[in-house]
PDB file of N, CA and C in Angstrom:
ATOM      1  N   MET A   1       2.208 -34.475 152.858  1.00  0.00           N
ATOM      2  CA  MET A   1       1.175 -33.718 152.200  1.00  0.00           C
ATOM      3  C   MET A   1       1.598 -33.352 150.773  1.00  0.00           C
ATOM      4  N   LYS A   2       2.817 -32.858 150.640  1.00  0.00           N
ATOM      5  CA  LYS A   2       3.309 -32.494 149.307  1.00  0.00           C
ATOM      6  C   LYS A   2       3.366 -33.719 148.398  1.00  0.00           C
ATOM      7  N   GLU A   3       3.720 -34.858 148.977  1.00  0.00           N
ATOM      8  CA  GLU A   3       3.798 -36.090 148.188  1.00  0.00           C
ATOM      9  C   GLU A   3       2.419 -36.489 147.659  1.00  0.00           C
ATOM     10  N   ILE A   4       1.394 -36.329 148.477  1.00  0.00           N
ATOM     11  CA  ILE A   4       0.029 -36.640 148.045  1.00  0.00           C
ATOM     12  C   ILE A   4      -0.381 -35.706 146.912  1.00  0.00           C
ATOM     13  N   LEU A   5      -0.068 -34.431 147.068  1.00  0.00           N
ATOM     14  CA  LEU A   5      -0.389 -33.469 146.011  1.00  0.00           C
ATOM     15  C   LEU A   5       0.322 -33.838 144.711  1.00  0.00           C
ATOM     16  N   GLU A   6       1.605 -34.178 144.814  1.00  0.00           N
ATOM     17  CA  GLU A   6       2.406 -34.498 143.622  1.00  0.00           C
ATOM     18  C   GLU A   6       1.971 -35.794 142.945  1.00  0.00           C
ATOM     19  N   LYS A   7       1.715 -36.828 143.746  1.00  0.00           N
ATOM     20  CA  LYS A   7       1.475 -38.155 143.180  1.00  0.00           C
ATOM     21  C   LYS A   7       0.009 -38.474 142.913  1.00  0.00           C
ATOM     22  N   GLU A   8      -0.907 -37.820 143.630  1.00  0.00           N
ATOM     23  CA  GLU A   8      -2.319 -38.175 143.477  1.00  0.00           C
ATOM     24  C   GLU A   8      -3.178 -37.062 142.889  1.00  0.00           C
ATOM     25  N   ILE A   9      -2.902 -35.829 143.258  1.00  0.00           N
ATOM     26  CA  ILE A   9      -3.745 -34.714 142.811  1.00  0.00           C
ATOM     27  C   ILE A   9      -3.269 -34.153 141.467  1.00  0.00           C
ATOM     28  N   LYS A  10      -1.982 -33.832 141.374  1.00  0.00           N
ATOM     29  CA  LYS A  10      -1.478 -33.210 140.143  1.00  0.00           C
ATOM     30  C   LYS A  10      -1.713 -34.047 138.886  1.00  0.00           C
ATOM     31  N   PRO A  11      -1.525 -35.370 138.927  1.00  0.00           N
ATOM     32  CA  PRO A  11      -1.800 -36.149 137.713  1.00  0.00           C
ATOM     33  C   PRO A  11      -3.258 -36.029 137.253  1.00  0.00           C
ATOM     34  N   MET A  12      -4.185 -35.959 138.207  1.00  0.00           N
ATOM     35  CA  MET A  12      -5.595 -35.800 137.873  1.00  0.00           C
ATOM     36  C   MET A  12      -5.835 -34.441 137.203  1.00  0.00           C
ATOM     37  N   LEU A  13      -5.238 -33.396 137.754  1.00  0.00           N
ATOM     38  CA  LEU A  13      -5.406 -32.057 137.193  1.00  0.00           C
ATOM     39  C   LEU A  13      -4.729 -31.934 135.827  1.00  0.00           C
ATOM     40  N   LYS A  14      -3.617 -32.636 135.668  1.00  0.00           N
ATOM     41  CA  LYS A  14      -2.866 -32.579 134.408  1.00  0.00           C
ATOM     42  C   LYS A  14      -3.688 -33.112 133.232  1.00  0.00           C
ATOM     43  N   LEU A  15      -4.607 -34.026 133.507  1.00  0.00           N
ATOM     44  CA  LEU A  15      -5.484 -34.552 132.456  1.00  0.00           C
ATOM     45  C   LEU A  15      -6.322 -33.448 131.821  1.00  0.00           C
ATOM     46  N   HIS A  16      -6.538 -32.381 132.573  1.00  0.00           N
ATOM     47  CA  HIS A  16      -7.324 -31.238 132.092  1.00  0.00           C
ATOM     48  C   HIS A  16      -6.432 -30.028 131.812  1.00  0.00           C
ATOM     49  N   LEU A  17      -5.124 -30.284 131.653  1.00  0.00           N
ATOM     50  CA  LEU A  17      -4.125 -29.245 131.376  1.00  0.00           C
ATOM     51  C   LEU A  17      -3.994 -28.232 132.503  1.00  0.00           C
ATOM     52  N   GLY A  18      -4.254 -28.686 133.718  1.00  0.00           N
ATOM     53  CA  GLY A  18      -4.121 -27.820 134.884  1.00  0.00           C
ATOM     54  C   GLY A  18      -3.085 -28.350 135.848  1.00  0.00           C
ATOM     55  N   SER A  19      -2.902 -27.610 136.926  1.00  0.00           N
ATOM     56  CA  SER A  19      -1.963 -28.003 137.963  1.00  0.00           C
ATOM     57  C   SER A  19      -2.240 -27.168 139.203  1.00  0.00           C
ATOM     58  N   LEU A  20      -1.444 -27.393 140.230  1.00  0.00           N
ATOM     59  CA  LEU A  20      -1.507 -26.554 141.417  1.00  0.00           C
ATOM     60  C   LEU A  20      -0.160 -26.550 142.104  1.00  0.00           C
ATOM     61  N   ASP A  21       0.062 -25.523 142.905  1.00  0.00           N
ATOM     62  CA  ASP A  21       1.272 -25.399 143.711  1.00  0.00           C
ATOM     63  C   ASP A  21       0.877 -25.386 145.173  1.00  0.00           C
ATOM     64  N   PHE A  22       1.664 -26.056 146.000  1.00  0.00           N
ATOM     65  CA  PHE A  22       1.489 -25.987 147.445  1.00  0.00           C
ATOM     66  C   PHE A  22       2.041 -24.648 147.905  1.00  0.00           C
ATOM     67  N   VAL A  23       1.242 -23.889 148.646  1.00  0.00           N
ATOM     68  CA  VAL A  23       1.669 -22.581 149.135  1.00  0.00           C
ATOM     69  C   VAL A  23       2.056 -22.654 150.605  1.00  0.00           C
ATOM     70  N   GLY A  24       1.253 -23.353 151.419  1.00  0.00           N
ATOM     71  CA  GLY A  24       1.575 -23.447 152.832  1.00  0.00           C
ATOM     72  C   GLY A  24       0.543 -24.226 153.621  1.00  0.00           C
ATOM     73  N   PHE A  25       0.870 -24.455 154.891  1.00  0.00           N
ATOM     74  CA  PHE A  25      -0.025 -25.155 155.815  1.00  0.00           C
ATOM     75  C   PHE A  25       0.114 -24.493 157.170  1.00  0.00           C
ATOM     76  N   GLU A  26      -0.990 -23.934 157.661  1.00  0.00           N
ATOM     77  CA  GLU A  26      -0.960 -23.242 158.943  1.00  0.00           C
ATOM     78  C   GLU A  26      -2.317 -23.354 159.619  1.00  0.00           C
ATOM     79  N   ASN A  27      -2.305 -23.707 160.895  1.00  0.00           N
ATOM     80  CA  ASN A  27      -3.525 -23.800 161.705  1.00  0.00           C
ATOM     81  C   ASN A  27      -4.598 -24.672 161.058  1.00  0.00           C
ATOM     82  N   GLY A  28      -4.193 -25.778 160.473  1.00  0.00           N
ATOM     83  CA  GLY A  28      -5.135 -26.713 159.879  1.00  0.00           C
ATOM     84  C   GLY A  28      -5.583 -26.369 158.472  1.00  0.00           C
ATOM     85  N   VAL A  29      -5.080 -25.258 157.932  1.00  0.00           N
ATOM     86  CA  VAL A  29      -5.498 -24.805 156.603  1.00  0.00           C
ATOM     87  C   VAL A  29      -4.361 -24.989 155.598  1.00  0.00           C
ATOM     88  N   VAL A  30      -4.646 -25.738 154.542  1.00  0.00           N
ATOM     89  CA  VAL A  30      -3.702 -25.930 153.447  1.00  0.00           C
ATOM     90  C   VAL A  30      -4.018 -24.885 152.381  1.00  0.00           C
ATOM     91  N   SER A  31      -3.006 -24.166 151.946  1.00  0.00           N
ATOM     92  CA  SER A  31      -3.175 -23.175 150.879  1.00  0.00           C
ATOM     93  C   SER A  31      -2.510 -23.691 149.611  1.00  0.00           C
ATOM     94  N   VAL A  32      -3.265 -23.626 148.515  1.00  0.00           N
ATOM     95  CA  VAL A  32      -2.756 -24.046 147.212  1.00  0.00           C
ATOM     96  C   VAL A  32      -3.055 -22.955 146.191  1.00  0.00           C
ATOM     97  N   ARG A  33      -2.304 -22.973 145.112  1.00  0.00           N
ATOM     98  CA  ARG A  33      -2.517 -22.021 144.017  1.00  0.00           C
ATOM     99  C   ARG A  33      -2.743 -22.824 142.738  1.00  0.00           C
ATOM    100  N   PHE A  34      -3.916 -22.647 142.130  1.00  0.00           N
ATOM    101  CA  PHE A  34      -4.205 -23.330 140.871  1.00  0.00           C
ATOM    102  C   PHE A  34      -3.391 -22.724 139.743  1.00  0.00           C
ATOM    103  N   GLN A  35      -3.009 -23.575 138.784  1.00  0.00           N
ATOM    104  CA  GLN A  35      -2.243 -23.165 137.612  1.00  0.00           C
ATOM    105  C   GLN A  35      -2.915 -23.714 136.356  1.00  0.00           C
ATOM    106  N   GLY A  36      -2.504 -23.212 135.219  1.00  0.00           N
ATOM    107  CA  GLY A  36      -3.013 -23.709 133.941  1.00  0.00           C
ATOM    108  C   GLY A  36      -4.504 -23.482 133.794  1.00  0.00           C
ATOM    109  N   THR A  37      -5.186 -24.457 133.200  1.00  0.00           N
ATOM    110  CA  THR A  37      -6.619 -24.303 132.957  1.00  0.00           C
ATOM    111  C   THR A  37      -7.444 -24.333 134.235  1.00  0.00           C
ATOM    112  N   CYS A  38      -6.863 -24.793 135.340  1.00  0.00           N
ATOM    113  CA  CYS A  38      -7.585 -24.803 136.617  1.00  0.00           C
ATOM    114  C   CYS A  38      -7.762 -23.384 137.162  1.00  0.00           C
ATOM    115  N   LYS A  39      -6.830 -22.514 136.821  1.00  0.00           N
ATOM    116  CA  LYS A  39      -6.889 -21.135 137.302  1.00  0.00           C
ATOM    117  C   LYS A  39      -8.072 -20.430 136.644  1.00  0.00           C
ATOM    118  N   GLY A  40      -9.024 -20.033 137.448  1.00  0.00           N
ATOM    119  CA  GLY A  40     -10.199 -19.345 136.939  1.00  0.00           C
ATOM    120  C   GLY A  40     -11.305 -20.259 136.424  1.00  0.00           C
ATOM    121  N   CYS A  41     -11.104 -21.562 136.476  1.00  0.00           N
ATOM    122  CA  CYS A  41     -12.123 -22.504 136.019  1.00  0.00           C
ATOM    123  C   CYS A  41     -13.321 -22.467 136.970  1.00  0.00           C
ATOM    124  N   PRO A  42     -14.542 -22.429 136.441  1.00  0.00           N
ATOM    125  CA  PRO A  42     -15.720 -22.395 137.303  1.00  0.00           C
ATOM    126  C   PRO A  42     -15.894 -23.659 138.154  1.00  0.00           C
ATOM    127  N   LEU A  43     -15.262 -24.755 137.769  1.00  0.00           N
ATOM    128  CA  LEU A  43     -15.371 -25.989 138.547  1.00  0.00           C
ATOM    129  C   LEU A  43     -14.220 -26.181 139.533  1.00  0.00           C
ATOM    130  N   SER A  44     -13.299 -25.231 139.594  1.00  0.00           N
ATOM    131  CA  SER A  44     -12.136 -25.401 140.471  1.00  0.00           C
ATOM    132  C   SER A  44     -12.531 -25.483 141.943  1.00  0.00           C
ATOM    133  N   ASN A  45     -13.566 -24.769 142.362  1.00  0.00           N
ATOM    134  CA  ASN A  45     -13.985 -24.842 143.764  1.00  0.00           C
ATOM    135  C   ASN A  45     -14.545 -26.222 144.093  1.00  0.00           C
ATOM    136  N   LEU A  46     -15.281 -26.810 143.158  1.00  0.00           N
ATOM    137  CA  LEU A  46     -15.796 -28.164 143.349  1.00  0.00           C
ATOM    138  C   LEU A  46     -14.637 -29.154 143.453  1.00  0.00           C
ATOM    139  N   THR A  47     -13.663 -29.023 142.577  1.00  0.00           N
ATOM    140  CA  THR A  47     -12.467 -29.869 142.623  1.00  0.00           C
ATOM    141  C   THR A  47     -11.738 -29.686 143.943  1.00  0.00           C
ATOM    142  N   LEU A  48     -11.645 -28.446 144.391  1.00  0.00           N
ATOM    143  CA  LEU A  48     -10.948 -28.135 145.633  1.00  0.00           C
ATOM    144  C   LEU A  48     -11.604 -28.825 146.820  1.00  0.00           C
ATOM    145  N   LYS A  49     -12.912 -28.697 146.951  1.00  0.00           N
ATOM    146  CA  LYS A  49     -13.622 -29.211 148.125  1.00  0.00           C
ATOM    147  C   LYS A  49     -13.870 -30.713 148.075  1.00  0.00           C
ATOM    148  N   THR A  50     -14.390 -31.212 146.962  1.00  0.00           N
ATOM    149  CA  THR A  50     -14.765 -32.625 146.914  1.00  0.00           C
ATOM    150  C   THR A  50     -13.613 -33.546 146.543  1.00  0.00           C
ATOM    151  N   GLY A  51     -12.584 -32.996 145.947  1.00  0.00           N
ATOM    152  CA  GLY A  51     -11.434 -33.808 145.563  1.00  0.00           C
ATOM    153  C   GLY A  51     -10.243 -33.597 146.471  1.00  0.00           C
ATOM    154  N   ILE A  52      -9.647 -32.432 146.372  1.00  0.00           N
ATOM    155  CA  ILE A  52      -8.396 -32.146 147.077  1.00  0.00           C
ATOM    156  C   ILE A  52      -8.590 -32.117 148.588  1.00  0.00           C
ATOM    157  N   GLU A  53      -9.549 -31.325 149.061  1.00  0.00           N
ATOM    158  CA  GLU A  53      -9.765 -31.210 150.505  1.00  0.00           C
ATOM    159  C   GLU A  53     -10.170 -32.550 151.112  1.00  0.00           C
ATOM    160  N   ALA A  54     -11.083 -33.252 150.478  1.00  0.00           N
ATOM    161  CA  ALA A  54     -11.529 -34.546 150.998  1.00  0.00           C
ATOM    162  C   ALA A  54     -10.369 -35.534 151.110  1.00  0.00           C
ATOM    163  N   LEU A  55      -9.525 -35.587 150.094  1.00  0.00           N
ATOM    164  CA  LEU A  55      -8.392 -36.514 150.102  1.00  0.00           C
ATOM    165  C   LEU A  55      -7.377 -36.153 151.180  1.00  0.00           C
ATOM    166  N   LEU A  56      -7.049 -34.871 151.289  1.00  0.00           N
ATOM    167  CA  LEU A  56      -6.065 -34.461 152.289  1.00  0.00           C
ATOM    168  C   LEU A  56      -6.593 -34.650 153.710  1.00  0.00           C
ATOM    169  N   LYS A  57      -7.873 -34.386 153.942  1.00  0.00           N
ATOM    170  CA  LYS A  57      -8.457 -34.610 155.271  1.00  0.00           C
ATOM    171  C   LYS A  57      -8.378 -36.086 155.648  1.00  0.00           C
ATOM    172  N   GLU A  58      -8.593 -36.938 154.670  1.00  0.00           N
ATOM    173  CA  GLU A  58      -8.564 -38.380 154.900  1.00  0.00           C
ATOM    174  C   GLU A  58      -7.150 -38.884 155.186  1.00  0.00           C
ATOM    175  N   LYS A  59      -6.160 -38.327 154.495  1.00  0.00           N
ATOM    176  CA  LYS A  59      -4.810 -38.885 154.555  1.00  0.00           C
ATOM    177  C   LYS A  59      -3.816 -38.132 155.433  1.00  0.00           C
ATOM    178  N   VAL A  60      -4.125 -36.887 155.794  1.00  0.00           N
ATOM    179  CA  VAL A  60      -3.157 -36.089 156.553  1.00  0.00           C
ATOM    180  C   VAL A  60      -3.800 -35.591 157.843  1.00  0.00           C
ATOM    181  N   ARG A  61      -3.257 -36.022 158.939  1.00  0.00           N
ATOM    182  CA  ARG A  61      -3.765 -35.606 160.249  1.00  0.00           C
ATOM    183  C   ARG A  61      -3.603 -34.091 160.417  1.00  0.00           C
ATOM    184  N   GLY A  62      -4.664 -33.451 160.893  1.00  0.00           N
ATOM    185  CA  GLY A  62      -4.602 -32.026 161.183  1.00  0.00           C
ATOM    186  C   GLY A  62      -5.138 -31.118 160.096  1.00  0.00           C
ATOM    187  N   VAL A  63      -5.402 -31.667 158.919  1.00  0.00           N
ATOM    188  CA  VAL A  63      -5.963 -30.840 157.846  1.00  0.00           C
ATOM    189  C   VAL A  63      -7.451 -30.640 158.116  1.00  0.00           C
ATOM    190  N   GLU A  64      -7.855 -29.381 158.202  1.00  0.00           N
ATOM    191  CA  GLU A  64      -9.255 -29.040 158.432  1.00  0.00           C
ATOM    192  C   GLU A  64      -9.902 -28.414 157.202  1.00  0.00           C
ATOM    193  N   LYS A  65      -9.089 -27.760 156.384  1.00  0.00           N
ATOM    194  CA  LYS A  65      -9.622 -27.008 155.255  1.00  0.00           C
ATOM    195  C   LYS A  65      -8.522 -26.840 154.211  1.00  0.00           C
ATOM    196  N   VAL A  66      -8.934 -26.762 152.949  1.00  0.00           N
ATOM    197  CA  VAL A  66      -8.009 -26.428 151.865  1.00  0.00           C
ATOM    198  C   VAL A  66      -8.584 -25.218 151.151  1.00  0.00           C
ATOM    199  N   GLU A  67      -7.739 -24.223 150.923  1.00  0.00           N
ATOM    200  CA  GLU A  67      -8.195 -23.015 150.241  1.00  0.00           C
ATOM    201  C   GLU A  67      -7.262 -22.669 149.096  1.00  0.00           C
ATOM    202  N   ALA A  68      -7.850 -22.076 148.061  1.00  0.00           N
ATOM    203  CA  ALA A  68      -7.073 -21.611 146.916  1.00  0.00           C
ATOM    204  C   ALA A  68      -6.734 -20.144 147.122  1.00  0.00           C
ATOM    205  N   VAL A  69      -5.498 -19.796 146.830  1.00  0.00           N
ATOM    206  CA  VAL A  69      -5.046 -18.409 146.929  1.00  0.00           C
ATOM    207  C   VAL A  69      -4.577 -17.948 145.555  1.00  0.00           C
ATOM    208  N   ASP A  70      -4.549 -16.634 145.364  1.00  0.00           N
ATOM    209  CA  ASP A  70      -4.090 -16.070 144.088  1.00  0.00           C
ATOM    210  C   ASP A  70      -2.597 -15.911 144.062  1.00  0.00           C
TER     211      ASP A  70
END
């Protein structure tokens, strides 16, 4: 999961001067923390659900949801 975040998600976010940190994974929920311009961006929830969550659900067994934490 961390490898997918590092190699596939972070480069995409970096194009917009943003990033994210992996916080944890428990009971099917992945927690991430947005950094840079992604933090507080009005489109971050769209990125979270249609990009990050969709990709992790597809590639990592057991992922049910991805949420952003402060």
